[in-house]
C-alpha atoms as a PDB file:
ATOM      1  CA  MET A   1    -104.397  -3.375  41.014  1.00  0.00           C
ATOM      2  CA  MET A   2    -101.900  -1.551  38.777  1.00  0.00           C
ATOM      3  CA  ALA A   3    -102.618   1.500  36.640  1.00  0.00           C
ATOM      4  CA  LYS A   4    -103.415   1.000  32.959  1.00  0.00           C
ATOM      5  CA  GLY A   5    -100.296   1.214  30.816  1.00  0.00           C
ATOM      6  CA  SER A   6     -97.897   0.543  33.679  1.00  0.00           C
ATOM      7  CA  PHE A   7     -96.936  -3.035  32.684  1.00  0.00           C
ATOM      8  CA  SER A   8     -94.266  -1.990  30.203  1.00  0.00           C
ATOM      9  CA  TRP A   9     -92.576   0.277  32.786  1.00  0.00           C
ATOM     10  CA  ILE A  10     -92.539  -2.367  35.515  1.00  0.00           C
ATOM     11  CA  SER A  11     -91.661  -5.317  33.288  1.00  0.00           C
ATOM     12  CA  GLY A  12     -88.904  -3.379  31.500  1.00  0.00           C
ATOM     13  CA  ILE A  13     -87.022  -2.442  34.657  1.00  0.00           C
ATOM     14  CA  PHE A  14     -87.643  -5.920  36.135  1.00  0.00           C
ATOM     15  CA  ILE A  15     -86.074  -7.615  33.121  1.00  0.00           C
ATOM     16  CA  LEU A  16     -83.035  -5.320  33.354  1.00  0.00           C
ATOM     17  CA  THR A  17     -82.766  -6.175  37.050  1.00  0.00           C
ATOM     18  CA  ILE A  18     -82.752  -9.920  36.319  1.00  0.00           C
ATOM     19  CA  LEU A  19     -80.182  -9.464  33.545  1.00  0.00           C
ATOM     20  CA  SER A  20     -77.971  -7.486  35.944  1.00  0.00           C
ATOM     21  CA  TRP A  21     -78.134 -10.319  38.474  1.00  0.00           C
ATOM     22  CA  ILE A  22     -77.251 -12.903  35.821  1.00  0.00           C
ATOM     23  CA  ALA A  23     -74.336 -10.748  34.641  1.00  0.00           C
ATOM     24  CA  TYR A  24     -73.187 -10.318  38.257  1.00  0.00           C
ATOM     25  CA  SER A  25     -73.336 -14.063  38.875  1.00  0.00           C
ATOM     26  CA  ASN A  26     -71.208 -14.772  35.832  1.00  0.00           C
ATOM     27  CA  SER A  27     -68.638 -12.017  36.135  1.00  0.00           C
ATOM     28  CA  GLY A  28     -65.696 -11.283  38.411  1.00  0.00           C
ATOM     29  CA  GLY A  29     -63.541  -8.430  39.621  1.00  0.00           C
ATOM     30  CA  ARG A  30     -64.567  -4.839  38.902  1.00  0.00           C
ATOM     31  CA  LEU A  31     -67.361  -5.849  36.520  1.00  0.00           C
ATOM     32  CA  SER A  32     -68.944  -7.890  39.287  1.00  0.00           C
ATOM     33  CA  LEU A  33     -69.301  -4.793  41.484  1.00  0.00           C
ATOM     34  CA  ILE A  34     -70.776  -2.751  38.634  1.00  0.00           C
ATOM     35  CA  PHE A  35     -73.393  -5.375  37.814  1.00  0.00           C
ATOM     36  CA  PHE A  36     -74.263  -5.758  41.505  1.00  0.00           C
ATOM     37  CA  LEU A  37     -74.826  -2.010  41.827  1.00  0.00           C
ATOM     38  CA  LEU A  38     -77.016  -2.098  38.704  1.00  0.00           C
ATOM     39  CA  PHE A  39     -78.973  -4.960  40.262  1.00  0.00           C
ATOM     40  CA  GLU A  40     -79.552  -2.995  43.490  1.00  0.00           C
ATOM     41  CA  VAL A  41     -80.702   0.058  41.571  1.00  0.00           C
ATOM     42  CA  GLY A  42     -83.032  -2.161  39.509  1.00  0.00           C
ATOM     43  CA  VAL A  43     -84.586  -3.653  42.638  1.00  0.00           C
ATOM     44  CA  MET A  44     -85.245  -0.191  44.087  1.00  0.00           C
ATOM     45  CA  LEU A  45     -86.714   1.098  40.820  1.00  0.00           C
ATOM     46  CA  THR A  46     -88.932  -1.967  40.451  1.00  0.00           C
ATOM     47  CA  LEU A  47     -90.337  -1.459  43.950  1.00  0.00           C
ATOM     48  CA  PHE A  48     -90.755   2.269  43.300  1.00  0.00           C
ATOM     49  CA  PHE A  49     -92.710   1.659  40.065  1.00  0.00           C
ATOM     50  CA  ILE A  50     -94.943  -0.946  41.758  1.00  0.00           C
ATOM     51  CA  ILE A  51     -95.787   1.565  44.512  1.00  0.00           C
ATOM     52  CA  PHE A  52     -96.151   4.516  42.159  1.00  0.00           C
ATOM     53  CA  PHE A  53     -98.386   2.758  39.609  1.00  0.00           C
ATOM     54  CA  ARG A  54    -100.722   1.297  42.240  1.00  0.00           C
ATOM     55  CA  ASP A  55    -104.392   1.821  41.461  1.00  0.00           C
ATOM     56  CA  PRO A  56    -106.606   0.818  44.392  1.00  0.00           C
ATOM     57  CA  GLU A  57    -110.333   0.308  43.997  1.00  0.00           C
ATOM     58  CA  ARG A  58    -112.325   3.258  45.260  1.00  0.00           C
ATOM     59  CA  ILE A  59    -116.045   3.529  46.078  1.00  0.00           C
ATOM     60  CA  PRO A  60    -117.263   7.140  45.636  1.00  0.00           C
ATOM     61  CA  SER A  61    -118.398   8.830  48.855  1.00  0.00           C
ATOM     62  CA  GLY A  62    -121.611  10.821  49.336  1.00  0.00           C
ATOM     63  CA  ASP A  63    -124.545  11.275  46.983  1.00  0.00           C
ATOM     64  CA  GLU A  64    -124.567  11.352  43.178  1.00  0.00           C
ATOM     65  CA  ASP A  65    -124.592  15.173  43.059  1.00  0.00           C
ATOM     66  CA  ASP A  66    -121.659  15.542  45.494  1.00  0.00           C
ATOM     67  CA  ALA A  67    -118.443  16.395  43.639  1.00  0.00           C
ATOM     68  CA  VAL A  68    -115.610  14.076  44.696  1.00  0.00           C
ATOM     69  CA  SER A  69    -111.899  14.794  44.425  1.00  0.00           C
ATOM     70  CA  PRO A  70    -110.376  13.850  41.058  1.00  0.00           C
ATOM     71  CA  ALA A  71    -106.980  13.156  42.633  1.00  0.00           C
ATOM     72  CA  ASP A  72    -105.069  12.175  45.750  1.00  0.00           C
ATOM     73  CA  GLY A  73    -103.001  15.032  47.133  1.00  0.00           C
ATOM     74  CA  LYS A  74    -103.114  18.425  48.871  1.00  0.00           C
ATOM     75  CA  VAL A  75    -105.264  21.469  48.145  1.00  0.00           C
ATOM     76  CA  ILE A  76    -102.811  24.246  47.252  1.00  0.00           C
ATOM     77  CA  SER A  77    -105.189  26.878  45.878  1.00  0.00           C
ATOM     78  CA  ILE A  78    -108.871  27.819  45.910  1.00  0.00           C
ATOM     79  CA  ASN A  79    -109.965  30.659  43.663  1.00  0.00           C
ATOM     80  CA  GLN A  80    -113.658  31.325  43.106  1.00  0.00           C
ATOM     81  CA  ARG A  81    -114.948  28.063  41.555  1.00  0.00           C
ATOM     82  CA  THR A  82    -111.536  26.489  40.926  1.00  0.00           C
ATOM     83  CA  VAL A  83    -109.524  24.325  43.283  1.00  0.00           C
ATOM     84  CA  CYS A  84    -105.962  23.083  42.616  1.00  0.00           C
ATOM     85  CA  ILE A  85    -104.756  19.732  43.971  1.00  0.00           C
ATOM     86  CA  PHE A  86    -101.040  18.982  44.030  1.00  0.00           C
ATOM     87  CA  MET A  87    -100.114  15.308  43.740  1.00  0.00           C
ATOM     88  CA  ASN A  88     -96.855  14.421  45.456  1.00  0.00           C
ATOM     89  CA  ILE A  89     -94.628  11.544  44.318  1.00  0.00           C
ATOM     90  CA  HIS A  90     -96.077   9.180  46.960  1.00  0.00           C
ATOM     91  CA  ASN A  91     -99.718   9.795  46.014  1.00  0.00           C
ATOM     92  CA  VAL A  92    -101.813   7.543  43.768  1.00  0.00           C
ATOM     93  CA  HIS A  93    -101.633   9.253  40.367  1.00  0.00           C
ATOM     94  CA  VAL A  94    -104.748   7.820  38.700  1.00  0.00           C
ATOM     95  CA  ASN A  95    -107.364  10.562  38.255  1.00  0.00           C
ATOM     96  CA  ARG A  96    -111.124  10.111  38.543  1.00  0.00           C
ATOM     97  CA  ALA A  97    -114.276  11.925  37.444  1.00  0.00           C
ATOM     98  CA  PRO A  98    -115.686  14.304  40.148  1.00  0.00           C
ATOM     99  CA  LEU A  99    -119.249  13.954  38.767  1.00  0.00           C
ATOM    100  CA  SER A 100    -121.021  11.734  36.254  1.00  0.00           C
ATOM    101  CA  GLY A 101    -121.369  13.233  32.796  1.00  0.00           C
ATOM    102  CA  ILE A 102    -120.442  13.267  29.117  1.00  0.00           C
ATOM    103  CA  VAL A 103    -116.982  14.347  27.980  1.00  0.00           C
ATOM    104  CA  THR A 104    -117.731  17.175  25.526  1.00  0.00           C
ATOM    105  CA  HIS A 105    -114.215  18.487  24.902  1.00  0.00           C
ATOM    106  CA  ILE A 106    -110.569  17.414  25.361  1.00  0.00           C
ATOM    107  CA  ASP A 107    -107.724  19.804  24.647  1.00  0.00           C
ATOM    108  CA  TYR A 108    -104.223  18.361  25.066  1.00  0.00           C
ATOM    109  CA  LYS A 109    -101.217  20.677  24.908  1.00  0.00           C
ATOM    110  CA  PRO A 110     -97.568  19.597  25.110  1.00  0.00           C
ATOM    111  CA  GLY A 111     -95.223  21.803  27.091  1.00  0.00           C
ATOM    112  CA  GLY A 112     -92.418  22.175  29.609  1.00  0.00           C
ATOM    113  CA  TYR A 113     -91.752  20.563  32.958  1.00  0.00           C
ATOM    114  CA  ILE A 114     -91.780  23.270  35.623  1.00  0.00           C
ATOM    115  CA  PRO A 115     -92.773  22.089  39.156  1.00  0.00           C
ATOM    116  CA  ALA A 116     -96.585  21.770  39.099  1.00  0.00           C
ATOM    117  CA  PHE A 117     -97.064  23.889  42.213  1.00  0.00           C
ATOM    118  CA  ASN A 118     -95.271  26.828  40.567  1.00  0.00           C
ATOM    119  CA  LYS A 119     -97.378  29.664  39.084  1.00  0.00           C
ATOM    120  CA  ASP A 120     -95.310  29.434  35.891  1.00  0.00           C
ATOM    121  CA  SER A 121     -96.540  25.882  35.331  1.00  0.00           C
ATOM    122  CA  GLU A 122     -99.044  27.361  32.857  1.00  0.00           C
ATOM    123  CA  VAL A 123     -96.445  26.488  30.183  1.00  0.00           C
ATOM    124  CA  ASN A 124     -96.425  22.807  31.236  1.00  0.00           C
ATOM    125  CA  GLU A 125     -97.875  19.832  29.376  1.00  0.00           C
ATOM    126  CA  ARG A 126    -101.591  19.766  30.163  1.00  0.00           C
ATOM    127  CA  ASN A 127    -104.869  18.073  29.322  1.00  0.00           C
ATOM    128  CA  HIS A 128    -108.072  20.134  29.635  1.00  0.00           C
ATOM    129  CA  VAL A 129    -111.308  18.134  29.867  1.00  0.00           C
ATOM    130  CA  VAL A 130    -114.859  19.522  29.861  1.00  0.00           C
ATOM    131  CA  PHE A 131    -117.767  17.465  31.243  1.00  0.00           C
ATOM    132  CA  ASP A 132    -121.477  18.062  30.710  1.00  0.00           C
ATOM    133  CA  THR A 133    -123.039  16.918  34.004  1.00  0.00           C
ATOM    134  CA  ALA A 134    -126.582  16.923  35.334  1.00  0.00           C
ATOM    135  CA  SER A 135    -125.565  19.887  37.519  1.00  0.00           C
ATOM    136  CA  GLY A 136    -123.835  21.899  34.791  1.00  0.00           C
ATOM    137  CA  THR A 137    -120.446  22.228  33.128  1.00  0.00           C
ATOM    138  CA  LEU A 138    -117.408  20.906  35.000  1.00  0.00           C
ATOM    139  CA  GLU A 139    -113.855  21.476  33.834  1.00  0.00           C
ATOM    140  CA  LEU A 140    -110.764  19.523  34.810  1.00  0.00           C
ATOM    141  CA  THR A 141    -107.146  20.166  33.845  1.00  0.00           C
ATOM    142  CA  GLN A 142    -104.324  17.662  34.341  1.00  0.00           C
ATOM    143  CA  ILE A 143    -100.971  19.452  34.562  1.00  0.00           C
ATOM    144  CA  ALA A 144     -97.601  17.735  34.229  1.00  0.00           C
ATOM    145  CA  GLY A 145     -94.871  18.250  36.831  1.00  0.00           C
ATOM    146  CA  VAL A 146     -91.091  18.479  36.737  1.00  0.00           C
ATOM    147  CA  LEU A 147     -90.550  14.696  36.496  1.00  0.00           C
ATOM    148  CA  THR A 148     -93.552  13.917  34.362  1.00  0.00           C
ATOM    149  CA  ARG A 149     -93.080  12.514  30.877  1.00  0.00           C
ATOM    150  CA  ARG A 150     -96.663  12.014  29.787  1.00  0.00           C
ATOM    151  CA  ILE A 151    -100.286  12.596  30.670  1.00  0.00           C
ATOM    152  CA  VAL A 152    -102.273   9.439  29.879  1.00  0.00           C
ATOM    153  CA  SER A 153    -105.999   9.808  29.083  1.00  0.00           C
ATOM    154  CA  TYR A 154    -108.429   6.905  29.391  1.00  0.00           C
ATOM    155  CA  ILE A 155    -111.369   8.793  27.832  1.00  0.00           C
ATOM    156  CA  SER A 156    -112.333  10.486  24.580  1.00  0.00           C
ATOM    157  CA  GLU A 157    -114.880  13.086  23.478  1.00  0.00           C
ATOM    158  CA  GLY A 158    -118.391  11.653  23.679  1.00  0.00           C
ATOM    159  CA  THR A 159    -117.501   9.230  26.476  1.00  0.00           C
ATOM    160  CA  TYR A 160    -119.973   8.995  29.359  1.00  0.00           C
ATOM    161  CA  VAL A 161    -118.152   8.632  32.677  1.00  0.00           C
ATOM    162  CA  LYS A 162    -119.560   7.772  36.039  1.00  0.00           C
ATOM    163  CA  ARG A 163    -118.728   9.717  39.192  1.00  0.00           C
ATOM    164  CA  GLY A 164    -115.474   8.302  40.598  1.00  0.00           C
ATOM    165  CA  GLU A 165    -114.595   6.443  37.368  1.00  0.00           C
ATOM    166  CA  ARG A 166    -110.954   6.443  36.241  1.00  0.00           C
ATOM    167  CA  ILE A 167    -110.307   9.037  33.523  1.00  0.00           C
ATOM    168  CA  GLY A 168    -106.507   8.946  33.242  1.00  0.00           C
ATOM    169  CA  MET A 169    -103.253   9.439  35.078  1.00  0.00           C
ATOM    170  CA  ILE A 170    -100.188  11.692  35.171  1.00  0.00           C
ATOM    171  CA  ARG A 171     -96.845   9.979  35.557  1.00  0.00           C
ATOM    172  CA  PHE A 172     -94.854  11.268  38.573  1.00  0.00           C
ATOM    173  CA  GLY A 173     -95.265  14.698  40.243  1.00  0.00           C
ATOM    174  CA  SER A 174     -98.263  16.639  38.941  1.00  0.00           C
ATOM    175  CA  ARG A 175    -101.366  18.756  39.594  1.00  0.00           C
ATOM    176  CA  VAL A 176    -105.083  18.642  38.848  1.00  0.00           C
ATOM    177  CA  ASP A 177    -107.262  21.772  38.665  1.00  0.00           C
ATOM    178  CA  ILE A 178    -111.044  21.455  38.802  1.00  0.00           C
ATOM    179  CA  THR A 179    -113.678  24.145  38.118  1.00  0.00           C
ATOM    180  CA  ILE A 180    -117.021  23.171  39.671  1.00  0.00           C
ATOM    181  CA  PRO A 181    -120.435  23.941  38.170  1.00  0.00           C
ATOM    182  CA  GLU A 182    -122.408  27.037  39.170  1.00  0.00           C
ATOM    183  CA  GLY A 183    -124.439  26.536  42.348  1.00  0.00           C
ATOM    184  CA  TYR A 184    -121.757  24.472  44.093  1.00  0.00           C
ATOM    185  CA  VAL A 185    -119.688  25.419  47.158  1.00  0.00           C
ATOM    186  CA  PHE A 186    -116.385  23.922  48.204  1.00  0.00           C
ATOM    187  CA  THR A 187    -116.325  21.712  51.297  1.00  0.00           C
ATOM    188  CA  VAL A 188    -112.497  21.563  51.480  1.00  0.00           C
ATOM    189  CA  GLY A 189    -110.003  24.204  52.536  1.00  0.00           C
ATOM    190  CA  LEU A 190    -106.452  25.240  51.757  1.00  0.00           C
ATOM    191  CA  ASN A 191    -103.811  22.581  52.657  1.00  0.00           C
ATOM    192  CA  ASP A 192    -106.452  19.859  53.140  1.00  0.00           C
ATOM    193  CA  ASN A 193    -105.388  16.375  52.095  1.00  0.00           C
ATOM    194  CA  VAL A 194    -107.851  14.730  49.717  1.00  0.00           C
ATOM    195  CA  ARG A 195    -108.347  11.285  48.179  1.00  0.00           C
ATOM    196  CA  ALA A 196    -109.668  10.614  44.674  1.00  0.00           C
ATOM    197  CA  ALA A 197    -113.332   9.527  44.669  1.00  0.00           C
ATOM    198  CA  GLN A 198    -113.481   9.412  48.466  1.00  0.00           C
ATOM    199  CA  THR A 199    -113.183  13.056  49.535  1.00  0.00           C
ATOM    200  CA  ILE A 200    -116.186  15.241  48.768  1.00  0.00           C
ATOM    201  CA  ILE A 201    -114.737  18.554  47.624  1.00  0.00           C
ATOM    202  CA  ALA A 202    -117.976  20.418  46.758  1.00  0.00           C
ATOM    203  CA  ARG A 203    -121.725  20.207  47.280  1.00  0.00           C
ATOM    204  CA  LYS A 204    -124.716  22.024  45.816  1.00  0.00           C
ATOM    205  CA  MET A 205    -125.219  25.268  47.714  1.00  0.00           C
ATOM    206  CA  ASP A 206    -128.659  24.479  49.164  1.00  0.00           C
ATOM    207  CA  LYS A 207    -127.575  21.019  50.262  1.00  0.00           C
ATOM    208  CA  HIS A 208    -124.392  22.441  51.843  1.00  0.00           C
ATOM    209  CA  LYS A 209    -126.480  24.878  53.913  1.00  0.00           C
ATOM    210  CA  VAL A 210    -128.693  22.068  55.199  1.00  0.00           C
ATOM    211  CA  ILE A 211    -125.709  19.911  56.171  1.00  0.00           C
ATOM    212  CA  SER A 212    -123.938  22.862  57.834  1.00  0.00           C
ATOM    213  CA  GLU A 213    -127.033  23.672  59.910  1.00  0.00           C
END
């Protein structure tokens, strides 16, 4: 399955690839080499976009009150109730809801394109989403990276989302920060690799104690 909104990207570069091949087949000399190079670049970009915009089906792990990762990637920071997940270029870039709840607030801000793992990325394009869940308020921020052109949201204020449901994507390198509700404890550590909807990143404190024992 391909991510929502990816058809125009893939089809556009595919058409240019086909046109390059046709031009190569009907040209000669120096122009022939140029069109062939354009064709090769087009093939590589088409394959890259197909891989990048992949959107596999995911079944959420754990119980309904277990918070699952909103993104594929690596944990690069844990600070009190907030964890930051860096999404590399090879990761799936579709983001998912950590818990079921109602979207109460969305605050989108345009900005620059500093690498998302950099502390100065606070000036980057970002989308801050607040969820009202059965366990309390959960906040999620999508942050654009150096190559990113746009954060795409699939939800709006008032939308009810299920745990593990797709909520949007960030094109190319990016980061997702999540602030868990009070009473939760993280079950992941620094530099852990996580998968959207499948890695449990936090559990309610009492439940975590029982599982740990």
